[in-house]
Amino acid sequence: MERAESMNPKPPSTTNIHVPLNNNPLLEEALARINANLEVVTLWRVINVNAIDRLGMSDHGATHFQIVANIGLRLTRLLARHEVEMSITRNFGLSAHHAELVVLLASLFHDLGMSIHRQDHESYSLILANTLLRELLDFLPIDERTIVISETLHAIIGHRSGGMPYTVEAGIVRVADALDMSKGRSRIPYEAGQINIHSISAAAIENVQIMAGEDKPIQINIVMNNSAGLFQVDDLLHSKLRGSGIERYIAVRAYVEGETEKSLLKEVIF
């Protein structure tokens, strides 16, 4: 008698998120738990089935979260270098390590609701993240865990349009999400033939540079191969930066690199 094939779906490939820990034991413990959590990894896989396969969007799974987490921590540390106090420290007396933990968690979980639906996914993310965070953060004392979860959920809902962040950490995650905008992120819709202002402007972003600023703590340089990228800068970044609460700390410069602009329009044959 032949053995029946398993009806279980193919397990997701191993996904490991890497960020510079900078001797933060809270980041190290939380990240190890997240990378080992099959439910989290599977949710990331489900998100991308919806985003890529069903909606023709760019990656909204582990690749996106990896980028946002690294950008978020970069912004956090640049602000800390200029003695910008994090909200979790100012309001609750917790450490800079706790602030980085909030930024990491919100960066990795802000789009979990995409596993349910694109519309209002930020609200669905709160439901999923709240349950996961209680399990993943059980190494923290109850009071610290409660504060970190609350601040993380606030940062998650704050990344939506009109999210109005109350905290520095939420503002950081909001801006970090918008800064995942280099041309490789538009590859899927652009190569699939979705030629519109969104895909063309995204393809025009060559590189995003985040560094210490001179007049402000953070300097963001957006290098474009075509001026169409200005739509991406204004539509995505400017709208997220405005009202983030951290806009006064950030200077943005966008420019076309090279003497000639790259042609981004494909030939269309009717």
Protein backbone atom coordinates (compact mmCIF):
# COMPACT_ATOMS: atom_id res chain seq x y z
CA MET A 1 0.00 0.00 0.00
CA GLU A 2 1.45 3.29 -1.01
CA ARG A 3 2.09 5.86 1.68
CA ALA A 4 -0.24 8.82 1.43
CA GLU A 5 1.44 12.16 0.81
CA SER A 6 1.29 14.69 3.61
CA MET A 7 -1.37 17.36 3.20
CA ASN A 8 0.66 19.84 5.27
CA PRO A 9 1.89 22.88 3.37
CA LYS A 10 5.55 23.10 2.54
CA PRO A 11 7.35 24.63 5.52
CA PRO A 12 8.87 28.04 4.96
CA SER A 13 12.57 28.27 4.34
CA THR A 14 14.72 29.43 7.24
CA THR A 15 14.50 33.17 7.66
CA ASN A 16 16.94 35.00 9.87
CA ILE A 17 16.78 38.72 10.55
CA HIS A 18 20.13 40.34 11.28
CA VAL A 19 20.67 43.76 12.86
CA PRO A 20 23.69 45.35 14.55
CA LEU A 21 23.08 44.50 18.22
CA ASN A 22 25.58 47.02 19.65
CA ASN A 23 25.80 45.10 22.93
CA ASN A 24 22.06 45.36 23.56
CA PRO A 25 21.06 42.14 25.37
CA LEU A 26 17.34 42.86 24.91
CA LEU A 27 17.73 42.98 21.14
CA GLU A 28 19.82 39.82 21.18
CA GLU A 29 17.28 37.81 23.19
CA ALA A 30 14.21 39.08 21.34
CA LEU A 31 15.74 38.58 17.91
CA ALA A 32 16.83 35.03 18.71
CA ARG A 33 13.28 34.21 19.80
CA ILE A 34 11.72 35.83 16.72
CA ASN A 35 14.02 34.03 14.29
CA ALA A 36 13.22 30.71 15.96
CA ASN A 37 9.45 31.28 16.05
CA LEU A 38 7.75 29.28 13.29
CA GLU A 39 4.49 31.22 13.66
CA VAL A 40 6.24 34.52 12.95
CA VAL A 41 8.20 33.14 10.00
CA THR A 42 5.04 31.58 8.56
CA LEU A 43 3.11 34.84 8.92
CA TRP A 44 5.85 36.62 6.97
CA ARG A 45 5.43 34.00 4.24
CA VAL A 46 1.64 34.47 4.17
CA ILE A 47 2.08 38.25 3.95
CA ASN A 48 4.16 37.89 0.81
CA VAL A 49 1.68 35.54 -0.82
CA ASN A 50 -0.89 38.33 -0.46
CA ALA A 51 1.50 41.15 -1.35
CA ILE A 52 3.46 39.62 -4.22
CA ASP A 53 1.40 36.77 -5.66
CA ARG A 54 -2.08 38.21 -5.23
CA LEU A 55 -1.62 41.99 -5.31
CA GLY A 56 1.51 42.35 -7.46
CA MET A 57 3.21 44.51 -4.83
CA SER A 58 6.83 44.54 -3.71
CA ASP A 59 8.10 42.39 -0.84
CA HIS A 60 6.31 43.05 2.45
CA GLY A 61 7.87 40.13 4.32
CA ALA A 62 11.25 39.36 5.82
CA THR A 63 13.24 41.42 3.30
CA HIS A 64 11.17 44.53 3.97
CA PHE A 65 11.27 44.00 7.74
CA GLN A 66 15.04 43.47 7.67
CA ILE A 67 15.51 46.77 5.85
CA VAL A 68 13.12 48.73 8.06
CA ALA A 69 14.64 47.31 11.26
CA ASN A 70 18.16 48.28 10.21
CA ILE A 71 17.08 51.74 9.12
CA GLY A 72 15.08 52.20 12.31
CA LEU A 73 18.01 51.30 14.54
CA ARG A 74 20.29 53.53 12.47
CA LEU A 75 17.94 56.49 12.99
CA THR A 76 17.58 55.69 16.70
CA ARG A 77 21.33 55.64 17.27
CA LEU A 78 21.95 58.82 15.29
CA LEU A 79 19.35 60.62 17.40
CA ALA A 80 20.82 59.19 20.61
CA ARG A 81 24.25 60.45 19.54
CA HIS A 82 22.74 63.95 19.56
CA GLU A 83 21.12 63.37 22.96
CA VAL A 84 17.56 63.16 21.66
CA GLU A 85 15.74 61.40 24.50
CA MET A 86 13.57 58.44 23.60
CA SER A 87 9.96 58.53 24.82
CA ILE A 88 10.16 55.25 26.74
CA THR A 89 12.98 56.80 28.79
CA ARG A 90 11.36 60.19 29.28
CA ASN A 91 7.93 58.83 30.22
CA PHE A 92 8.71 55.53 31.93
CA GLY A 93 12.37 55.70 32.95
CA LEU A 94 13.34 52.68 30.88
CA SER A 95 16.68 52.42 29.11
CA ALA A 96 17.95 53.15 25.61
CA HIS A 97 18.06 49.36 25.19
CA HIS A 98 14.28 49.26 25.71
CA ALA A 99 13.82 52.02 23.12
CA GLU A 100 15.80 50.03 20.56
CA LEU A 101 13.74 46.97 21.40
CA VAL A 102 10.51 48.85 20.65
CA VAL A 103 11.91 50.05 17.31
CA LEU A 104 13.03 46.53 16.38
CA LEU A 105 9.72 44.88 17.31
CA ALA A 106 7.54 47.46 15.56
CA SER A 107 9.77 47.29 12.47
CA LEU A 108 9.40 43.51 12.27
CA PHE A 109 5.67 43.35 13.08
CA HIS A 110 4.17 46.51 11.57
CA ASP A 111 2.77 44.74 8.49
CA LEU A 112 1.60 41.49 10.10
CA GLY A 113 -1.98 42.42 9.27
CA MET A 114 -1.18 42.04 5.57
CA SER A 115 -1.60 38.32 6.21
CA ILE A 116 -5.30 39.10 6.64
CA HIS A 117 -5.99 41.97 4.24
CA ARG A 118 -4.23 44.98 2.73
CA GLN A 119 -7.02 47.36 3.65
CA ASP A 120 -6.72 48.43 7.31
CA HIS A 121 -3.78 46.04 7.75
CA GLU A 122 -2.30 48.27 10.45
CA SER A 123 -5.24 47.53 12.75
CA TYR A 124 -5.05 43.80 12.06
CA SER A 125 -1.33 43.95 12.84
CA LEU A 126 -2.17 45.07 16.39
CA ILE A 127 -4.23 41.95 17.03
CA LEU A 128 -1.58 39.55 15.78
CA ALA A 129 1.38 41.38 17.32
CA ASN A 130 -0.22 41.71 20.76
CA THR A 131 -0.54 37.94 21.11
CA LEU A 132 2.94 37.21 19.77
CA LEU A 133 4.64 39.86 21.89
CA ARG A 134 3.26 38.45 25.15
CA GLU A 135 4.95 35.16 24.35
CA LEU A 136 8.17 36.51 22.87
CA LEU A 137 8.83 38.99 25.67
CA ASP A 138 8.18 36.74 28.66
CA PHE A 139 11.85 37.15 29.61
CA LEU A 140 11.05 40.73 30.73
CA PRO A 141 9.53 41.66 34.10
CA ILE A 142 5.75 42.13 33.82
CA ASP A 143 5.83 45.92 34.12
CA GLU A 144 8.59 46.32 31.53
CA ARG A 145 6.90 43.85 29.22
CA THR A 146 3.59 45.73 29.44
CA ILE A 147 5.23 49.05 28.64
CA VAL A 148 7.29 47.66 25.75
CA ILE A 149 4.23 45.96 24.23
CA SER A 150 2.12 49.12 24.52
CA GLU A 151 4.83 51.28 22.95
CA THR A 152 5.38 48.74 20.18
CA LEU A 153 1.68 48.58 19.34
CA HIS A 154 1.55 52.38 19.27
CA ALA A 155 4.46 52.43 16.82
CA ILE A 156 2.70 49.86 14.63
CA ILE A 157 -0.53 51.85 14.36
CA GLY A 158 1.47 55.06 13.97
CA HIS A 159 2.98 53.97 10.65
CA ARG A 160 -0.34 54.22 8.81
CA SER A 161 -1.40 57.32 6.91
CA GLY A 162 -2.49 59.91 9.44
CA GLY A 163 -1.08 57.77 12.25
CA MET A 164 0.05 60.76 14.36
CA PRO A 165 2.79 59.14 16.47
CA TYR A 166 2.98 60.23 20.10
CA THR A 167 6.48 58.86 20.66
CA VAL A 168 9.93 59.33 19.16
CA GLU A 169 10.15 55.56 18.63
CA ALA A 170 6.88 55.49 16.66
CA GLY A 171 8.10 58.39 14.53
CA ILE A 172 11.31 56.51 13.80
CA VAL A 173 9.46 53.40 12.62
CA ARG A 174 7.12 55.51 10.49
CA VAL A 175 10.04 57.19 8.71
CA ALA A 176 12.10 53.97 8.48
CA ASP A 177 9.20 52.25 6.70
CA ALA A 178 9.06 55.05 4.14
CA LEU A 179 12.83 54.92 3.56
CA ASP A 180 12.63 51.38 2.17
CA MET A 181 12.31 52.89 -1.28
CA SER A 182 15.39 52.02 -3.36
CA LYS A 183 14.82 50.75 -6.90
CA GLY A 184 15.08 47.05 -6.08
CA ARG A 185 11.87 47.35 -4.06
CA SER A 186 9.87 48.13 -7.24
CA ARG A 187 11.26 45.20 -9.22
CA ILE A 188 8.21 42.93 -8.95
CA PRO A 189 5.46 45.35 -10.10
CA TYR A 190 7.76 47.04 -12.63
CA GLU A 191 8.96 43.83 -14.28
CA ALA A 192 5.41 42.49 -14.23
CA GLY A 193 4.47 45.35 -16.51
CA GLN A 194 2.63 47.53 -13.99
CA ILE A 195 3.81 50.78 -15.54
CA ASN A 196 2.39 53.65 -13.54
CA ILE A 197 3.73 56.64 -11.65
CA HIS A 198 4.25 54.51 -8.53
CA SER A 199 6.36 51.80 -10.20
CA ILE A 200 8.27 54.24 -12.41
CA SER A 201 9.08 56.62 -9.55
CA ALA A 202 10.17 53.72 -7.35
CA ALA A 203 12.45 52.43 -10.10
CA ALA A 204 14.03 55.88 -10.26
CA ILE A 205 15.38 55.68 -6.70
CA GLU A 206 18.95 54.46 -7.05
CA ASN A 207 20.09 54.61 -3.44
CA VAL A 208 19.13 55.94 -0.01
CA GLN A 209 21.94 57.18 2.23
CA ILE A 210 21.42 57.79 5.95
CA MET A 211 24.19 59.57 7.82
CA ALA A 212 24.99 62.01 10.57
CA GLY A 213 24.03 65.52 9.54
CA GLU A 214 25.66 68.89 10.01
CA ASP A 215 22.76 71.23 10.72
CA LYS A 216 20.46 68.45 11.92
CA PRO A 217 21.21 65.09 13.59
CA ILE A 218 20.27 63.08 10.49
CA GLN A 219 21.01 63.68 6.82
CA ILE A 220 19.13 61.60 4.25
CA ASN A 221 20.36 61.65 0.67
CA ILE A 222 18.14 60.12 -1.99
CA VAL A 223 20.06 59.39 -5.17
CA MET A 224 17.89 59.11 -8.28
CA ASN A 225 18.58 58.00 -11.84
CA ASN A 226 15.52 59.89 -13.09
CA SER A 227 13.61 62.90 -11.77
CA ALA A 228 10.45 60.76 -11.73
CA GLY A 229 11.72 59.64 -8.34
CA LEU A 230 10.58 62.96 -6.91
CA PHE A 231 7.05 61.60 -6.88
CA GLN A 232 8.24 58.74 -4.67
CA VAL A 233 10.03 61.16 -2.37
CA ASP A 234 7.02 63.42 -2.02
CA ASP A 235 4.27 60.80 -2.06
CA LEU A 236 5.95 58.30 0.26
CA LEU A 237 8.69 59.92 2.32
CA HIS A 238 7.40 63.44 2.74
CA SER A 239 3.93 62.26 3.74
CA LYS A 240 5.39 59.91 6.37
CA LEU A 241 7.99 62.39 7.63
CA ARG A 242 5.43 65.14 8.05
CA GLY A 243 3.69 64.61 11.37
CA SER A 244 6.16 61.94 12.51
CA GLY A 245 7.34 64.09 15.40
CA ILE A 246 10.97 63.69 14.36
CA GLU A 247 10.96 65.81 11.21
CA ARG A 248 12.86 68.62 12.96
CA TYR A 249 15.82 66.27 13.37
CA ILE A 250 16.05 65.23 9.70
CA ALA A 251 17.31 66.96 6.56
CA VAL A 252 16.47 65.41 3.18
CA ARG A 253 18.26 65.98 -0.12
CA ALA A 254 17.09 64.32 -3.35
CA TYR A 255 19.05 64.61 -6.58
CA VAL A 256 19.65 62.96 -9.94
CA GLU A 257 23.12 61.46 -10.24
CA GLY A 258 24.88 61.70 -13.60
CA GLU A 259 24.63 64.01 -16.56
CA THR A 260 21.74 62.22 -18.24
CA GLU A 261 18.62 60.65 -16.86
CA LYS A 262 17.88 56.95 -17.26
CA SER A 263 14.92 56.05 -19.44
CA LEU A 264 12.37 54.14 -17.38
CA LEU A 265 9.49 53.78 -19.83
CA LYS A 266 9.26 50.46 -21.62
CA GLU A 267 8.16 50.24 -25.24
CA VAL A 268 4.49 49.40 -25.48
CA ILE A 269 3.25 47.61 -28.61
CA PHE A 270 -0.48 47.78 -29.32
